[in-house]
C-alpha atoms as a PDB file:
ATOM      1  CA  MET A   1     121.307  56.984 175.603  1.00  0.00           C
ATOM      2  CA  ASP A   2     118.172  57.768 178.129  1.00  0.00           C
ATOM      3  CA  LEU A   3     117.421  60.762 176.270  1.00  0.00           C
ATOM      4  CA  LEU A   4     118.017  59.129 172.998  1.00  0.00           C
ATOM      5  CA  TYR A   5     115.522  56.743 174.190  1.00  0.00           C
ATOM      6  CA  ALA A   6     112.838  59.258 175.525  1.00  0.00           C
ATOM      7  CA  ILE A   7     112.978  61.144 172.006  1.00  0.00           C
ATOM      8  CA  LEU A   8     112.770  58.257 169.631  1.00  0.00           C
ATOM      9  CA  VAL A   9     111.334  55.518 171.339  1.00  0.00           C
ATOM     10  CA  ASP A  10     109.070  56.212 174.208  1.00  0.00           C
ATOM     11  CA  PRO A  11     106.908  58.266 172.275  1.00  0.00           C
ATOM     12  CA  PHE A  12     105.803  55.109 169.830  1.00  0.00           C
ATOM     13  CA  ILE A  13     105.372  53.113 172.929  1.00  0.00           C
ATOM     14  CA  GLN A  14     102.759  55.695 174.176  1.00  0.00           C
ATOM     15  CA  MET A  15     101.245  55.977 170.928  1.00  0.00           C
ATOM     16  CA  TRP A  16     100.784  52.138 171.068  1.00  0.00           C
ATOM     17  CA  ASN A  17      99.329  52.133 174.847  1.00  0.00           C
ATOM     18  CA  GLY A  18      97.383  55.065 174.361  1.00  0.00           C
ATOM     19  CA  PRO A  19      95.785  54.922 170.531  1.00  0.00           C
ATOM     20  CA  ASP A  20      92.688  56.603 171.574  1.00  0.00           C
ATOM     21  CA  PHE A  21      94.537  59.813 173.017  1.00  0.00           C
ATOM     22  CA  PHE A  22      96.940  59.481 169.685  1.00  0.00           C
ATOM     23  CA  ILE A  23      93.977  59.551 167.511  1.00  0.00           C
ATOM     24  CA  GLN A  24      92.514  62.677 169.683  1.00  0.00           C
ATOM     25  CA  VAL A  25      95.812  64.829 169.193  1.00  0.00           C
ATOM     26  CA  MET A  26      96.183  64.225 165.471  1.00  0.00           C
ATOM     27  CA  TRP A  27      92.284  64.876 165.026  1.00  0.00           C
ATOM     28  CA  GLU A  28      92.974  68.102 166.972  1.00  0.00           C
ATOM     29  CA  GLY A  29      96.099  68.951 165.024  1.00  0.00           C
ATOM     30  CA  PHE A  30      94.513  68.062 161.961  1.00  0.00           C
ATOM     31  CA  VAL A  31      91.870  70.586 162.723  1.00  0.00           C
ATOM     32  CA  SER A  32      94.364  73.267 163.542  1.00  0.00           C
ATOM     33  CA  GLY A  33      96.394  72.645 160.437  1.00  0.00           C
ATOM     34  CA  VAL A  34      93.348  73.425 158.328  1.00  0.00           C
ATOM     35  CA  LEU A  35      92.651  76.359 159.961  1.00  0.00           C
ATOM     36  CA  TYR A  36      96.124  77.285 159.556  1.00  0.00           C
ATOM     37  CA  ALA A  37      96.193  76.428 155.810  1.00  0.00           C
ATOM     38  CA  LEU A  38      93.122  78.799 155.292  1.00  0.00           C
ATOM     39  CA  ILE A  39      95.056  81.933 157.187  1.00  0.00           C
ATOM     40  CA  ALA A  40      98.109  80.861 154.492  1.00  0.00           C
ATOM     41  CA  LEU A  41      95.715  80.724 151.599  1.00  0.00           C
ATOM     42  CA  GLY A  42      94.758  84.561 151.984  1.00  0.00           C
ATOM     43  CA  PHE A  43      98.699  85.001 151.863  1.00  0.00           C
ATOM     44  CA  VAL A  44      99.152  82.911 148.875  1.00  0.00           C
ATOM     45  CA  LEU A  45      96.225  84.530 146.671  1.00  0.00           C
ATOM     46  CA  ILE A  46      97.908  88.216 147.069  1.00  0.00           C
ATOM     47  CA  PHE A  47     101.417  87.418 146.754  1.00  0.00           C
ATOM     48  CA  LYS A  48     100.669  85.170 143.630  1.00  0.00           C
ATOM     49  CA  ALA A  49      98.676  88.100 141.822  1.00  0.00           C
ATOM     50  CA  SER A  50     100.984  91.022 143.005  1.00  0.00           C
ATOM     51  CA  GLY A  51     104.212  89.705 144.404  1.00  0.00           C
ATOM     52  CA  VAL A  52     103.228  91.225 148.248  1.00  0.00           C
ATOM     53  CA  PHE A  53     103.364  89.700 151.246  1.00  0.00           C
ATOM     54  CA  ASN A  54     100.136  90.699 152.863  1.00  0.00           C
ATOM     55  CA  PHE A  55     101.294  91.580 156.259  1.00  0.00           C
ATOM     56  CA  ALA A  56      97.477  92.611 157.055  1.00  0.00           C
ATOM     57  CA  GLN A  57      96.377  89.167 156.647  1.00  0.00           C
ATOM     58  CA  GLY A  58      95.839  88.389 160.098  1.00  0.00           C
ATOM     59  CA  ILE A  59      94.110  91.737 161.030  1.00  0.00           C
ATOM     60  CA  MET A  60      92.026  90.999 158.148  1.00  0.00           C
ATOM     61  CA  VAL A  61      90.601  87.836 160.192  1.00  0.00           C
ATOM     62  CA  VAL A  62      90.230  89.744 162.987  1.00  0.00           C
ATOM     63  CA  PHE A  63      88.230  92.800 161.034  1.00  0.00           C
ATOM     64  CA  ALA A  64      86.145  90.748 159.420  1.00  0.00           C
ATOM     65  CA  ALA A  65      85.031  88.485 162.227  1.00  0.00           C
ATOM     66  CA  LEU A  66      84.257  91.560 164.108  1.00  0.00           C
ATOM     67  CA  SER A  67      81.960  93.239 161.332  1.00  0.00           C
ATOM     68  CA  LEU A  68      80.055  90.106 161.272  1.00  0.00           C
ATOM     69  CA  VAL A  69      79.679  90.034 165.148  1.00  0.00           C
ATOM     70  CA  GLY A  70      79.333  93.902 165.592  1.00  0.00           C
ATOM     71  CA  MET A  71      76.503  94.138 163.039  1.00  0.00           C
ATOM     72  CA  HIS A  72      74.436  91.428 164.564  1.00  0.00           C
ATOM     73  CA  GLU A  73      74.957  93.023 168.168  1.00  0.00           C
ATOM     74  CA  ALA A  74      73.641  95.985 166.621  1.00  0.00           C
ATOM     75  CA  GLY A  75      70.230  94.165 165.509  1.00  0.00           C
ATOM     76  CA  VAL A  76      70.915  92.933 162.211  1.00  0.00           C
ATOM     77  CA  PRO A  77      69.834  89.337 161.768  1.00  0.00           C
ATOM     78  CA  ALA A  78      72.786  86.971 161.541  1.00  0.00           C
ATOM     79  CA  TRP A  79      72.506  86.128 158.062  1.00  0.00           C
ATOM     80  CA  LEU A  80      72.084  89.522 156.728  1.00  0.00           C
ATOM     81  CA  ALA A  81      75.463  90.414 159.202  1.00  0.00           C
ATOM     82  CA  LEU A  82      76.769  87.763 156.976  1.00  0.00           C
ATOM     83  CA  LEU A  83      76.265  89.266 153.767  1.00  0.00           C
ATOM     84  CA  LEU A  84      76.788  92.918 155.034  1.00  0.00           C
ATOM     85  CA  ALA A  85      80.375  91.465 156.327  1.00  0.00           C
ATOM     86  CA  ILE A  86      81.477  90.237 153.074  1.00  0.00           C
ATOM     87  CA  GLY A  87      80.069  93.345 151.563  1.00  0.00           C
ATOM     88  CA  VAL A  88      82.514  95.231 153.921  1.00  0.00           C
ATOM     89  CA  MET A  89      85.311  92.952 152.985  1.00  0.00           C
ATOM     90  CA  ALA A  90      84.306  93.963 149.201  1.00  0.00           C
ATOM     91  CA  VAL A  91      84.746  97.430 150.048  1.00  0.00           C
ATOM     92  CA  LEU A  92      88.100  97.109 152.045  1.00  0.00           C
ATOM     93  CA  ALA A  93      89.362  95.308 148.974  1.00  0.00           C
ATOM     94  CA  ILE A  94      88.572  98.407 146.393  1.00  0.00           C
ATOM     95  CA  THR A  95      89.672 100.574 148.755  1.00  0.00           C
ATOM     96  CA  VAL A  96      92.971  98.871 149.476  1.00  0.00           C
ATOM     97  CA  GLU A  97      93.610  98.569 145.557  1.00  0.00           C
ATOM     98  CA  ARG A  98      92.714 101.874 144.675  1.00  0.00           C
ATOM     99  CA  PHE A  99      94.620 103.625 147.415  1.00  0.00           C
ATOM    100  CA  VAL A 100      97.495 101.510 148.394  1.00  0.00           C
ATOM    101  CA  MET A 101      98.573  99.121 145.785  1.00  0.00           C
ATOM    102  CA  ARG A 102      97.659 101.404 142.575  1.00  0.00           C
ATOM    103  CA  PRO A 103      99.861 104.519 143.781  1.00  0.00           C
ATOM    104  CA  LEU A 104     102.505 102.003 144.472  1.00  0.00           C
ATOM    105  CA  VAL A 105     102.663 100.081 141.232  1.00  0.00           C
ATOM    106  CA  ASN A 106     106.298  99.202 140.257  1.00  0.00           C
ATOM    107  CA  GLN A 107     107.585 100.175 143.630  1.00  0.00           C
ATOM    108  CA  PRO A 108     110.543  97.901 145.291  1.00  0.00           C
ATOM    109  CA  GLU A 109     108.491  94.979 147.293  1.00  0.00           C
ATOM    110  CA  ILE A 110     109.964  96.087 150.584  1.00  0.00           C
ATOM    111  CA  ILE A 111     107.939  99.275 149.693  1.00  0.00           C
ATOM    112  CA  LEU A 112     104.421  97.031 149.135  1.00  0.00           C
ATOM    113  CA  LEU A 113     105.205  95.255 152.406  1.00  0.00           C
ATOM    114  CA  MET A 114     105.330  98.574 154.755  1.00  0.00           C
ATOM    115  CA  ALA A 115     102.484  99.564 153.442  1.00  0.00           C
ATOM    116  CA  THR A 116     100.470  96.340 154.506  1.00  0.00           C
ATOM    117  CA  ILE A 117     102.169  96.795 157.714  1.00  0.00           C
ATOM    118  CA  GLY A 118     100.574 100.637 157.565  1.00  0.00           C
ATOM    119  CA  LEU A 119      97.435  98.937 156.620  1.00  0.00           C
ATOM    120  CA  THR A 120      97.618  96.626 159.757  1.00  0.00           C
ATOM    121  CA  TYR A 121      97.563  99.352 162.370  1.00  0.00           C
ATOM    122  CA  PHE A 122      95.077 101.147 160.331  1.00  0.00           C
ATOM    123  CA  LEU A 123      92.798  98.427 160.533  1.00  0.00           C
ATOM    124  CA  ILE A 124      93.481  97.753 164.516  1.00  0.00           C
ATOM    125  CA  GLY A 125      92.627 101.588 165.636  1.00  0.00           C
ATOM    126  CA  PHE A 126      89.660 101.618 163.142  1.00  0.00           C
ATOM    127  CA  GLY A 127      88.787  98.108 164.264  1.00  0.00           C
ATOM    128  CA  GLU A 128      88.844  99.441 167.782  1.00  0.00           C
ATOM    129  CA  PHE A 129      87.073 102.445 167.398  1.00  0.00           C
ATOM    130  CA  VAL A 130      84.426 100.794 165.608  1.00  0.00           C
ATOM    131  CA  PHE A 131      83.845  97.708 167.751  1.00  0.00           C
ATOM    132  CA  GLY A 132      86.116  98.343 170.682  1.00  0.00           C
ATOM    133  CA  GLY A 133      88.530  96.207 172.166  1.00  0.00           C
ATOM    134  CA  GLU A 134      86.605  93.556 174.235  1.00  0.00           C
ATOM    135  CA  PRO A 135      86.413  89.868 173.076  1.00  0.00           C
ATOM    136  CA  LYS A 136      83.218  89.173 171.178  1.00  0.00           C
ATOM    137  CA  THR A 137      81.607  85.915 171.102  1.00  0.00           C
ATOM    138  CA  MET A 138      80.673  84.115 167.488  1.00  0.00           C
ATOM    139  CA  ILE A 139      77.336  83.916 166.685  1.00  0.00           C
ATOM    140  CA  THR A 140      78.026  80.258 165.769  1.00  0.00           C
ATOM    141  CA  LYS A 141      73.902  78.901 166.498  1.00  0.00           C
ATOM    142  CA  GLU A 142      72.682  82.166 165.012  1.00  0.00           C
ATOM    143  CA  LEU A 143      74.495  81.042 161.883  1.00  0.00           C
ATOM    144  CA  GLY A 144      73.153  77.453 162.251  1.00  0.00           C
ATOM    145  CA  LEU A 145      76.893  75.872 162.707  1.00  0.00           C
ATOM    146  CA  PRO A 146      76.859  72.830 165.107  1.00  0.00           C
ATOM    147  CA  THR A 147      77.857  73.149 168.574  1.00  0.00           C
ATOM    148  CA  GLY A 148      77.826  69.409 169.825  1.00  0.00           C
ATOM    149  CA  SER A 149      79.944  66.686 169.489  1.00  0.00           C
ATOM    150  CA  THR A 150      80.488  63.037 168.733  1.00  0.00           C
ATOM    151  CA  ALA A 151      82.132  60.079 170.720  1.00  0.00           C
ATOM    152  CA  PHE A 152      83.617  57.221 169.103  1.00  0.00           C
ATOM    153  CA  GLU A 153      85.459  54.268 170.806  1.00  0.00           C
ATOM    154  CA  VAL A 154      88.537  53.075 170.378  1.00  0.00           C
ATOM    155  CA  GLY A 155      89.842  49.634 171.946  1.00  0.00           C
ATOM    156  CA  GLU A 156      88.310  48.624 175.226  1.00  0.00           C
ATOM    157  CA  ARG A 157      87.921  51.701 176.905  1.00  0.00           C
ATOM    158  CA  GLY A 158      89.097  54.514 174.835  1.00  0.00           C
ATOM    159  CA  LEU A 159      87.347  57.416 173.487  1.00  0.00           C
ATOM    160  CA  VAL A 160      87.846  59.676 170.863  1.00  0.00           C
ATOM    161  CA  ILE A 161      85.637  63.013 170.837  1.00  0.00           C
ATOM    162  CA  LEU A 162      84.970  64.928 167.452  1.00  0.00           C
ATOM    163  CA  GLN A 163      83.594  68.460 168.116  1.00  0.00           C
ATOM    164  CA  HIS A 164      81.116  69.015 164.994  1.00  0.00           C
ATOM    165  CA  ILE A 165      82.217  72.608 164.488  1.00  0.00           C
ATOM    166  CA  ASP A 166      85.615  70.976 163.867  1.00  0.00           C
ATOM    167  CA  ILE A 167      84.058  68.996 161.498  1.00  0.00           C
ATOM    168  CA  ALA A 168      81.983  71.931 159.655  1.00  0.00           C
ATOM    169  CA  ALA A 169      85.594  73.792 159.453  1.00  0.00           C
ATOM    170  CA  MET A 170      87.150  70.957 157.573  1.00  0.00           C
ATOM    171  CA  ILE A 171      84.234  70.511 155.263  1.00  0.00           C
ATOM    172  CA  MET A 172      84.417  74.344 154.891  1.00  0.00           C
ATOM    173  CA  ALA A 173      87.923  74.674 154.001  1.00  0.00           C
ATOM    174  CA  ILE A 174      87.801  71.728 151.404  1.00  0.00           C
ATOM    175  CA  ILE A 175      84.741  73.579 149.626  1.00  0.00           C
ATOM    176  CA  MET A 176      86.837  76.835 149.658  1.00  0.00           C
ATOM    177  CA  VAL A 177      89.915  75.526 148.254  1.00  0.00           C
ATOM    178  CA  THR A 178      88.137  73.645 145.555  1.00  0.00           C
ATOM    179  CA  GLY A 179      86.024  76.363 144.810  1.00  0.00           C
ATOM    180  CA  LEU A 180      89.185  78.805 144.066  1.00  0.00           C
ATOM    181  CA  ALA A 181      91.081  75.660 142.341  1.00  0.00           C
ATOM    182  CA  ILE A 182      87.939  75.471 140.108  1.00  0.00           C
ATOM    183  CA  PHE A 183      87.553  79.604 139.973  1.00  0.00           C
ATOM    184  CA  PHE A 184      91.259  79.967 139.426  1.00  0.00           C
ATOM    185  CA  SER A 185      91.697  77.157 136.838  1.00  0.00           C
ATOM    186  CA  LYS A 186      88.341  77.322 134.624  1.00  0.00           C
ATOM    187  CA  THR A 187      87.203  81.123 134.481  1.00  0.00           C
ATOM    188  CA  ARG A 188      88.579  83.819 132.531  1.00  0.00           C
ATOM    189  CA  ILE A 189      89.476  85.816 135.293  1.00  0.00           C
ATOM    190  CA  GLY A 190      91.243  82.921 136.806  1.00  0.00           C
ATOM    191  CA  ARG A 191      93.026  82.427 133.458  1.00  0.00           C
ATOM    192  CA  ALA A 192      94.141  86.097 133.912  1.00  0.00           C
ATOM    193  CA  LEU A 193      95.113  85.865 137.279  1.00  0.00           C
ATOM    194  CA  ARG A 194      97.598  83.192 136.711  1.00  0.00           C
ATOM    195  CA  ALA A 195      98.901  85.645 133.528  1.00  0.00           C
ATOM    196  CA  VAL A 196      99.476  88.621 136.196  1.00  0.00           C
ATOM    197  CA  ALA A 197     101.126  86.354 138.375  1.00  0.00           C
ATOM    198  CA  ASP A 198     103.707  85.107 135.656  1.00  0.00           C
ATOM    199  CA  ASP A 199     104.491  88.487 134.227  1.00  0.00           C
ATOM    200  CA  HIS A 200     102.728  91.848 135.000  1.00  0.00           C
ATOM    201  CA  GLN A 201     103.723  93.748 132.108  1.00  0.00           C
ATOM    202  CA  ALA A 202     103.000  90.728 130.007  1.00  0.00           C
ATOM    203  CA  ALA A 203      99.353  90.476 130.933  1.00  0.00           C
ATOM    204  CA  LEU A 204      98.909  94.377 130.536  1.00  0.00           C
ATOM    205  CA  SER A 205     100.049  94.061 126.825  1.00  0.00           C
ATOM    206  CA  VAL A 206      97.597  91.740 126.223  1.00  0.00           C
ATOM    207  CA  GLY A 207      94.657  94.264 127.610  1.00  0.00           C
ATOM    208  CA  ILE A 208      94.173  92.256 131.241  1.00  0.00           C
ATOM    209  CA  SER A 209      93.540  95.236 134.040  1.00  0.00           C
ATOM    210  CA  LEU A 210      96.083  94.884 136.616  1.00  0.00           C
ATOM    211  CA  HIS A 211      93.857  96.960 138.721  1.00  0.00           C
ATOM    212  CA  GLN A 212      90.522  94.924 138.715  1.00  0.00           C
ATOM    213  CA  ILE A 213      92.804  91.566 139.222  1.00  0.00           C
ATOM    214  CA  TRP A 214      94.294  93.008 142.381  1.00  0.00           C
ATOM    215  CA  ALA A 215      90.907  93.896 143.547  1.00  0.00           C
ATOM    216  CA  ILE A 216      89.403  90.344 142.767  1.00  0.00           C
ATOM    217  CA  VAL A 217      92.504  89.018 144.741  1.00  0.00           C
ATOM    218  CA  TRP A 218      91.947  90.937 147.771  1.00  0.00           C
ATOM    219  CA  PHE A 219      88.572  90.654 147.940  1.00  0.00           C
ATOM    220  CA  ALA A 220      88.603  86.722 147.253  1.00  0.00           C
ATOM    221  CA  SER A 221      91.321  86.868 150.304  1.00  0.00           C
ATOM    222  CA  GLY A 222      88.816  89.037 152.402  1.00  0.00           C
ATOM    223  CA  ILE A 223      86.664  86.334 152.072  1.00  0.00           C
ATOM    224  CA  VAL A 224      88.912  83.592 153.185  1.00  0.00           C
ATOM    225  CA  ALA A 225      89.790  85.706 155.810  1.00  0.00           C
ATOM    226  CA  LEU A 226      85.802  85.902 156.979  1.00  0.00           C
ATOM    227  CA  THR A 227      85.950  82.426 156.603  1.00  0.00           C
ATOM    228  CA  THR A 228      88.590  82.103 158.524  1.00  0.00           C
ATOM    229  CA  GLY A 229      87.646  84.211 161.384  1.00  0.00           C
ATOM    230  CA  ILE A 230      84.395  82.526 161.902  1.00  0.00           C
ATOM    231  CA  MET A 231      85.947  79.261 162.472  1.00  0.00           C
ATOM    232  CA  TRP A 232      88.643  80.564 164.903  1.00  0.00           C
ATOM    233  CA  GLY A 233      85.840  82.447 166.365  1.00  0.00           C
ATOM    234  CA  ALA A 234      83.825  79.487 166.837  1.00  0.00           C
ATOM    235  CA  LYS A 235      86.473  77.759 168.753  1.00  0.00           C
ATOM    236  CA  SER A 236      87.698  80.906 170.616  1.00  0.00           C
ATOM    237  CA  ASP A 237      86.557  84.191 171.246  1.00  0.00           C
ATOM    238  CA  VAL A 238      86.648  86.850 168.647  1.00  0.00           C
ATOM    239  CA  SER A 239      89.853  89.303 169.531  1.00  0.00           C
ATOM    240  CA  PHE A 240      92.523  91.294 168.223  1.00  0.00           C
ATOM    241  CA  ALA A 241      94.788  88.958 169.911  1.00  0.00           C
ATOM    242  CA  LEU A 242      93.646  86.430 167.021  1.00  0.00           C
ATOM    243  CA  GLN A 243      95.845  88.072 164.892  1.00  0.00           C
ATOM    244  CA  PHE A 244      98.547  86.812 166.192  1.00  0.00           C
ATOM    245  CA  VAL A 245      97.450  83.107 165.238  1.00  0.00           C
ATOM    246  CA  ALA A 246      97.937  84.137 161.853  1.00  0.00           C
ATOM    247  CA  PHE A 247     101.864  84.663 162.397  1.00  0.00           C
ATOM    248  CA  LYS A 248     101.767  80.788 162.043  1.00  0.00           C
ATOM    249  CA  ALA A 249     101.102  80.716 158.562  1.00  0.00           C
ATOM    250  CA  LEU A 250     104.497  81.919 157.865  1.00  0.00           C
ATOM    251  CA  PRO A 251     105.911  78.987 158.716  1.00  0.00           C
ATOM    252  CA  VAL A 252     103.168  77.103 156.776  1.00  0.00           C
ATOM    253  CA  LEU A 253     103.899  79.676 153.823  1.00  0.00           C
ATOM    254  CA  ILE A 254     108.037  78.275 154.370  1.00  0.00           C
ATOM    255  CA  LEU A 255     106.930  74.650 154.170  1.00  0.00           C
ATOM    256  CA  GLY A 256     104.472  74.793 151.406  1.00  0.00           C
ATOM    257  CA  GLY A 257     105.987  77.621 149.168  1.00  0.00           C
ATOM    258  CA  PHE A 258     104.357  80.852 148.697  1.00  0.00           C
ATOM    259  CA  THR A 259     102.831  80.583 145.185  1.00  0.00           C
ATOM    260  CA  SER A 260     101.209  77.359 146.018  1.00  0.00           C
ATOM    261  CA  ILE A 261      97.604  76.803 147.168  1.00  0.00           C
ATOM    262  CA  PRO A 262      98.196  72.985 147.716  1.00  0.00           C
ATOM    263  CA  GLY A 263     101.359  73.991 149.577  1.00  0.00           C
ATOM    264  CA  ALA A 264      99.222  75.818 151.891  1.00  0.00           C
ATOM    265  CA  ILE A 265      96.929  73.159 152.662  1.00  0.00           C
ATOM    266  CA  VAL A 266      99.897  70.180 153.129  1.00  0.00           C
ATOM    267  CA  GLY A 267     102.250  73.011 154.846  1.00  0.00           C
ATOM    268  CA  GLY A 268      99.326  73.800 157.454  1.00  0.00           C
ATOM    269  CA  LEU A 269      98.503  69.836 157.957  1.00  0.00           C
ATOM    270  CA  ILE A 270     102.148  69.400 158.911  1.00  0.00           C
ATOM    271  CA  ILE A 271     102.730  72.606 161.273  1.00  0.00           C
ATOM    272  CA  GLY A 272      99.249  71.825 162.930  1.00  0.00           C
ATOM    273  CA  ILE A 273      99.534  67.990 163.273  1.00  0.00           C
ATOM    274  CA  GLY A 274     103.545  68.327 164.076  1.00  0.00           C
ATOM    275  CA  GLU A 275     103.177  71.077 166.628  1.00  0.00           C
ATOM    276  CA  LYS A 276     100.441  68.911 168.687  1.00  0.00           C
ATOM    277  CA  LEU A 277     102.153  65.911 168.551  1.00  0.00           C
ATOM    278  CA  GLY A 278     105.632  67.757 169.905  1.00  0.00           C
ATOM    279  CA  GLU A 279     104.106  69.212 172.679  1.00  0.00           C
ATOM    280  CA  LEU A 280     102.491  65.742 173.966  1.00  0.00           C
ATOM    281  CA  TYR A 281     105.370  63.413 173.280  1.00  0.00           C
ATOM    282  CA  TRP A 282     108.508  65.660 173.389  1.00  0.00           C
ATOM    283  CA  GLY A 283     107.278  68.506 175.093  1.00  0.00           C
ATOM    284  CA  PRO A 284     107.912  67.285 178.565  1.00  0.00           C
ATOM    285  CA  LEU A 285     111.689  66.679 177.345  1.00  0.00           C
ATOM    286  CA  VAL A 286     112.036  70.670 177.271  1.00  0.00           C
ATOM    287  CA  GLY A 287     109.939  71.846 180.013  1.00  0.00           C
ATOM    288  CA  GLY A 288     106.695  72.587 177.696  1.00  0.00           C
ATOM    289  CA  GLY A 289     105.698  75.024 175.600  1.00  0.00           C
ATOM    290  CA  ILE A 290     107.216  73.560 172.390  1.00  0.00           C
ATOM    291  CA  GLU A 291     104.117  74.200 170.468  1.00  0.00           C
ATOM    292  CA  SER A 292     104.718  78.060 170.471  1.00  0.00           C
ATOM    293  CA  TRP A 293     107.940  77.504 169.009  1.00  0.00           C
ATOM    294  CA  LEU A 294     108.061  74.074 167.236  1.00  0.00           C
ATOM    295  CA  ALA A 295     106.472  75.194 163.762  1.00  0.00           C
ATOM    296  CA  TYR A 296     109.484  77.868 163.483  1.00  0.00           C
ATOM    297  CA  MET A 297     111.991  75.548 163.824  1.00  0.00           C
ATOM    298  CA  ILE A 298     110.201  73.530 161.357  1.00  0.00           C
ATOM    299  CA  ALA A 299     110.528  76.287 159.177  1.00  0.00           C
ATOM    300  CA  LEU A 300     113.952  77.142 159.592  1.00  0.00           C
ATOM    301  CA  ILE A 301     114.964  73.678 158.683  1.00  0.00           C
ATOM    302  CA  PHE A 302     113.296  74.098 155.480  1.00  0.00           C
ATOM    303  CA  LEU A 303     115.047  77.513 154.746  1.00  0.00           C
ATOM    304  CA  LEU A 304     118.310  76.039 154.981  1.00  0.00           C
ATOM    305  CA  SER A 305     117.482  73.116 152.911  1.00  0.00           C
ATOM    306  CA  ARG A 306     114.688  73.514 150.283  1.00  0.00           C
ATOM    307  CA  PRO A 307     113.874  77.945 150.705  1.00  0.00           C
ATOM    308  CA  GLN A 308     111.613  77.361 147.932  1.00  0.00           C
ATOM    309  CA  GLY A 309     109.286  75.111 150.138  1.00  0.00           C
ATOM    310  CA  LEU A 310     107.464  72.061 149.188  1.00  0.00           C
ATOM    311  CA  PHE A 311     105.697  72.856 146.310  1.00  0.00           C
ATOM    312  CA  GLY A 312     107.276  76.434 145.713  1.00  0.00           C
ATOM    313  CA  GLU A 313     109.151  77.419 141.968  1.00  0.00           C
ATOM    314  CA  LYS A 314     112.664  77.403 142.553  1.00  0.00           C
ATOM    315  CA  ILE A 315     113.948  80.704 141.218  1.00  0.00           C
ATOM    316  CA  ILE A 316     116.945  81.121 139.176  1.00  0.00           C
ATOM    317  CA  ASP A 317     119.118  83.673 138.561  1.00  0.00           C
ATOM    318  CA  ARG A 318     120.430  83.820 135.269  1.00  0.00           C
ATOM    319  CA  VAL A 319     123.438  85.974 134.926  1.00  0.00           C
END
């Protein structure tokens, strides 16, 4: 009975008695969820266009951020380094399409997955060779990103502190998701991408270039990776350990659906807020550390009950 009370009742009493702390935790979970959603968005873009689960998306986040910081450390001005980093991701997209994706057209999905795993370890080795293995500091001030904070009073003595870089990350995520939604729904390339996602062979039969679409999608995924790397790097150092944060995108994808951009956003927010609240209110009951595995437990529940996710398309096999 005491355990049931501690699980179901005590957290709500704490929320009521400490609204400022509750709001602070909710905000931090919201920001983490937005960044998880950005990582998941890169997975969704590539999976929608090619049916490939891009295992390399996490290291693409790190590689993009290291390219930016590394070029600035070499003496390149910040905004020029940003443009060159975008160019690096464009070259990476074209290279991956030409030398990885194109030779493996019509191969089983497991072959394509293994190819992205190989790409992951290539980028790790190449990145360590070029940039070194030491953590680097994101050039936040040089890019004009805010670094301060704002405090709001809640109740009589409570304070909620909002970091300006977190607000910038939220705004950047909204702009990026809105821009991608408009691009894929209103432009000719976007309509071609949706056609490729629905049926590769039908898209080829009406003259749509599969290789061009794949290169564009990998480039868009690279831009998402660069943005995510900048925002995560501003909150912590840029290092190869950052790629493990990308694994949190897997529960996000399972919740939202592998083919849904809105699902990536909603799934990211559920995971981000859920793991923060879980660690705060239920973590002490299991000795802490719940933040590291709660997302995967939520994903497991969804796999058992709704494997296509909240917004994913249910696959029906006809026999």
